[in-house]
Amino acid sequence: MEKAVCTVPKGRPREFCTERALAAALRVFWSKGYEGASLTELTEAMGITKPSLYAAFGNKEALFHKALDLYEAEKLDYMRTALDQPSARGVVEHLLRGAVEMQTSQCDPKGCMGVIHMTACGSEAESIKTDVIARRASSQAALVERLERAKREGDLPADADIAGLTQYLYAVLQGMAVQAGSGATRDELDRVITISLQCWPSK
């Protein structure tokens, strides 16, 4: 596991696990939002000093981008595996159920970190919002490509509106994330999935 050694004024070098510190920062950003997370809260959760944070991760904005990378790698893996499902319906079901499992986990903050920061406001968070929207656009493009392939292969009706279906699916995903963040239960969100799958086009 990677170690970072940062020299702080009037003291011995501080050694800490950067991976553990970054995971702690992720939880703070996820629960508080970028603007709501203070440097004091971040450093206390990470178990490091502010000079150590700057030396190892850069400023608060750079730390957030690294935390978002970790979030995508560890928490959104279901989005990548969904694209490998053999049918379009399987892709959608895997995506929805993976989202609900993540959003209602007892081990992490509720809801979706991306949805929280797409609605961030204020000049301080503008670059954060831009990054999150760009990442979402990339994942949507990958889903459009997968569903277009399903359409070419006859797995979806020839007149299926792939762009519209993708927008609909992301509206459901984002809506579930908001509901999960406000206390919706796993059973309640599973009902949303059931209705959404009933609406999914089939040949």
Protein backbone atom coordinates (compact mmCIF):
# COMPACT_ATOMS: atom_id res chain seq x y z
CA MET A 1 0.00 0.00 0.00
CA GLU A 2 1.36 3.40 -1.01
CA LYS A 3 2.76 5.58 1.74
CA ALA A 4 3.22 9.33 1.68
CA VAL A 5 5.66 11.18 3.88
CA CYS A 6 5.00 14.89 4.32
CA THR A 7 7.17 17.27 6.31
CA VAL A 8 5.17 19.60 8.51
CA PRO A 9 6.51 22.68 10.31
CA LYS A 10 7.99 22.12 13.76
CA GLY A 11 7.64 18.40 13.90
CA ARG A 12 8.70 15.02 12.68
CA PRO A 13 7.64 13.85 9.21
CA ARG A 14 4.11 12.47 9.25
CA GLU A 15 3.59 9.09 7.62
CA PHE A 16 0.13 7.93 6.62
CA CYS A 17 -1.61 5.61 4.19
CA THR A 18 -2.73 7.71 1.21
CA GLU A 19 -5.30 5.12 0.12
CA ARG A 20 -6.98 5.09 3.53
CA ALA A 21 -6.86 8.88 3.74
CA LEU A 22 -8.41 9.22 0.28
CA ALA A 23 -11.19 6.77 1.17
CA ALA A 24 -11.95 8.88 4.24
CA ALA A 25 -12.04 12.05 2.14
CA LEU A 26 -14.43 10.34 -0.28
CA ARG A 27 -16.89 9.66 2.53
CA VAL A 28 -16.79 13.29 3.64
CA PHE A 29 -17.38 14.62 0.12
CA TRP A 30 -20.13 12.04 -0.46
CA SER A 31 -22.01 12.95 2.70
CA LYS A 32 -21.33 16.71 2.83
CA GLY A 33 -20.89 17.71 -0.80
CA TYR A 34 -17.87 19.58 -2.15
CA GLU A 35 -18.85 23.00 -0.81
CA GLY A 36 -20.14 21.61 2.47
CA ALA A 37 -16.93 19.71 3.25
CA SER A 38 -14.52 21.95 5.14
CA LEU A 39 -10.78 21.41 5.19
CA THR A 40 -11.02 20.82 8.93
CA GLU A 41 -13.59 18.05 8.46
CA LEU A 42 -11.50 16.52 5.69
CA THR A 43 -8.21 16.52 7.58
CA GLU A 44 -9.85 15.20 10.76
CA ALA A 45 -11.49 12.34 8.84
CA MET A 46 -8.26 11.60 6.98
CA GLY A 47 -6.17 11.75 10.15
CA ILE A 48 -3.67 14.20 8.65
CA THR A 49 -2.72 17.86 8.90
CA LYS A 50 -3.51 20.50 6.28
CA PRO A 51 0.15 20.71 5.15
CA SER A 52 0.14 16.93 4.71
CA LEU A 53 -3.05 17.13 2.65
CA TYR A 54 -1.57 19.77 0.36
CA ALA A 55 1.71 17.89 -0.02
CA ALA A 56 0.10 14.53 -0.81
CA PHE A 57 -3.02 15.54 -2.76
CA GLY A 58 -2.73 19.18 -3.78
CA ASN A 59 -5.58 21.53 -2.87
CA LYS A 60 -9.18 20.69 -1.95
CA GLU A 61 -10.28 20.62 -5.59
CA ALA A 62 -7.51 18.22 -6.58
CA LEU A 63 -8.39 16.02 -3.60
CA PHE A 64 -12.02 15.89 -4.74
CA HIS A 65 -11.07 14.79 -8.26
CA LYS A 66 -8.93 11.99 -6.80
CA ALA A 67 -11.81 11.00 -4.51
CA LEU A 68 -14.16 10.95 -7.51
CA ASP A 69 -11.73 8.66 -9.35
CA LEU A 70 -11.85 6.31 -6.36
CA TYR A 71 -15.65 6.52 -6.24
CA GLU A 72 -15.94 5.52 -9.90
CA ALA A 73 -13.43 2.69 -9.56
CA GLU A 74 -14.87 1.16 -6.38
CA LYS A 75 -18.55 2.17 -6.24
CA LEU A 76 -19.59 2.32 -9.89
CA ASP A 77 -18.08 -0.94 -11.12
CA TYR A 78 -21.62 -2.24 -11.71
CA MET A 79 -21.96 0.30 -14.54
CA ARG A 80 -19.09 -1.30 -16.44
CA THR A 81 -20.24 -4.87 -15.84
CA ALA A 82 -23.78 -3.92 -16.91
CA LEU A 83 -22.55 -3.25 -20.44
CA ASP A 84 -21.30 -6.86 -20.67
CA GLN A 85 -24.74 -8.38 -20.08
CA PRO A 86 -25.97 -10.46 -23.04
CA SER A 87 -29.26 -8.59 -23.62
CA ALA A 88 -30.41 -4.97 -23.56
CA ARG A 89 -32.91 -5.78 -20.83
CA GLY A 90 -30.14 -7.48 -18.87
CA VAL A 91 -27.98 -4.37 -19.22
CA VAL A 92 -30.75 -2.18 -17.86
CA GLU A 93 -31.70 -4.48 -14.99
CA HIS A 94 -28.06 -4.91 -13.93
CA LEU A 95 -27.59 -1.14 -14.02
CA LEU A 96 -30.70 -0.38 -11.98
CA ARG A 97 -30.17 -3.09 -9.38
CA GLY A 98 -26.49 -2.21 -9.02
CA ALA A 99 -27.43 1.42 -8.46
CA VAL A 100 -29.97 0.58 -5.75
CA GLU A 101 -27.54 -1.73 -3.99
CA MET A 102 -24.91 1.00 -3.94
CA GLN A 103 -27.29 3.82 -3.05
CA THR A 104 -28.83 1.98 -0.09
CA SER A 105 -25.65 0.40 1.27
CA GLN A 106 -25.35 0.36 5.04
CA CYS A 107 -21.59 0.91 4.73
CA ASP A 108 -21.60 4.17 2.75
CA PRO A 109 -23.51 7.46 2.63
CA LYS A 110 -26.90 7.13 0.92
CA GLY A 111 -27.58 8.34 -2.59
CA CYS A 112 -25.21 9.05 -5.46
CA MET A 113 -22.15 11.28 -5.20
CA GLY A 114 -22.48 12.28 -8.85
CA VAL A 115 -26.08 13.44 -8.52
CA ILE A 116 -25.17 15.49 -5.44
CA HIS A 117 -22.48 17.38 -7.34
CA MET A 118 -24.35 17.82 -10.63
CA THR A 119 -26.63 20.18 -8.73
CA ALA A 120 -23.80 21.93 -6.88
CA CYS A 121 -23.93 25.71 -7.03
CA GLY A 122 -21.53 28.55 -6.42
CA SER A 123 -18.35 29.57 -8.18
CA GLU A 124 -16.20 27.36 -5.96
CA ALA A 125 -17.97 24.22 -7.19
CA GLU A 126 -18.30 25.14 -10.88
CA SER A 127 -15.29 23.12 -12.05
CA ILE A 128 -16.49 20.21 -9.89
CA LYS A 129 -19.93 20.29 -11.49
CA THR A 130 -18.35 20.46 -14.95
CA ASP A 131 -16.19 17.40 -14.27
CA VAL A 132 -19.09 15.37 -12.89
CA ILE A 133 -21.30 16.23 -15.88
CA ALA A 134 -18.51 15.28 -18.29
CA ARG A 135 -18.07 11.91 -16.58
CA ARG A 136 -21.81 11.28 -16.71
CA ALA A 137 -21.86 12.15 -20.42
CA SER A 138 -19.10 9.61 -21.04
CA SER A 139 -21.02 6.84 -19.26
CA GLN A 140 -24.21 7.75 -21.13
CA ALA A 141 -22.37 7.58 -24.44
CA ALA A 142 -21.14 4.08 -23.58
CA LEU A 143 -24.69 3.00 -22.79
CA VAL A 144 -26.02 4.49 -26.03
CA GLU A 145 -23.39 2.55 -27.96
CA ARG A 146 -24.35 -0.70 -26.20
CA LEU A 147 -28.08 -0.20 -26.85
CA GLU A 148 -27.44 0.76 -30.48
CA ARG A 149 -25.62 -2.55 -30.84
CA ALA A 150 -28.62 -4.33 -29.32
CA LYS A 151 -30.85 -2.61 -31.85
CA ARG A 152 -28.63 -3.67 -34.77
CA GLU A 153 -28.63 -7.24 -33.48
CA GLY A 154 -32.42 -7.30 -33.24
CA ASP A 155 -32.50 -7.36 -29.44
CA LEU A 156 -34.49 -4.10 -29.46
CA PRO A 157 -37.28 -3.02 -31.84
CA ALA A 158 -36.10 -1.43 -35.08
CA ASP A 159 -37.89 1.80 -34.20
CA ALA A 160 -36.49 2.02 -30.65
CA ASP A 161 -35.40 5.56 -29.70
CA ILE A 162 -32.03 4.77 -28.15
CA ALA A 163 -31.19 8.33 -27.12
CA GLY A 164 -34.63 8.72 -25.54
CA LEU A 165 -34.38 5.38 -23.73
CA THR A 166 -30.98 6.33 -22.35
CA GLN A 167 -32.28 9.68 -21.12
CA TYR A 168 -35.24 7.91 -19.51
CA LEU A 169 -32.97 5.40 -17.81
CA TYR A 170 -30.70 8.12 -16.41
CA ALA A 171 -33.73 10.04 -15.19
CA VAL A 172 -34.80 6.91 -13.27
CA LEU A 173 -31.27 6.38 -11.91
CA GLN A 174 -30.95 9.98 -10.76
CA GLY A 175 -34.45 9.98 -9.29
CA MET A 176 -33.69 6.84 -7.30
CA ALA A 177 -30.47 8.42 -6.05
CA VAL A 178 -32.37 11.46 -4.77
CA GLN A 179 -34.96 9.23 -3.10
CA ALA A 180 -32.26 7.03 -1.55
CA GLY A 181 -30.54 10.12 -0.20
CA SER A 182 -33.80 11.24 1.43
CA GLY A 183 -34.47 7.89 3.09
CA ALA A 184 -36.25 5.65 0.58
CA THR A 185 -35.91 1.96 1.45
CA ARG A 186 -34.48 -0.82 -0.70
CA ASP A 187 -37.97 -2.31 -1.13
CA GLU A 188 -39.38 1.02 -2.29
CA LEU A 189 -36.65 1.46 -4.88
CA ASP A 190 -36.98 -2.15 -6.02
CA ARG A 191 -40.59 -1.32 -6.90
CA VAL A 192 -39.34 1.53 -9.10
CA ILE A 193 -37.10 -0.98 -10.89
CA THR A 194 -39.99 -3.39 -11.41
CA ILE A 195 -42.14 -0.67 -13.01
CA SER A 196 -39.24 0.58 -15.14
CA LEU A 197 -38.56 -2.91 -16.49
CA GLN A 198 -42.25 -3.35 -17.31
CA CYS A 199 -41.98 -0.22 -19.46
CA TRP A 200 -38.85 -1.40 -21.25
CA PRO A 201 -39.50 -2.14 -24.96
CA SER A 202 -39.35 -5.69 -26.19
CA LYS A 203 -39.78 -7.28 -29.59
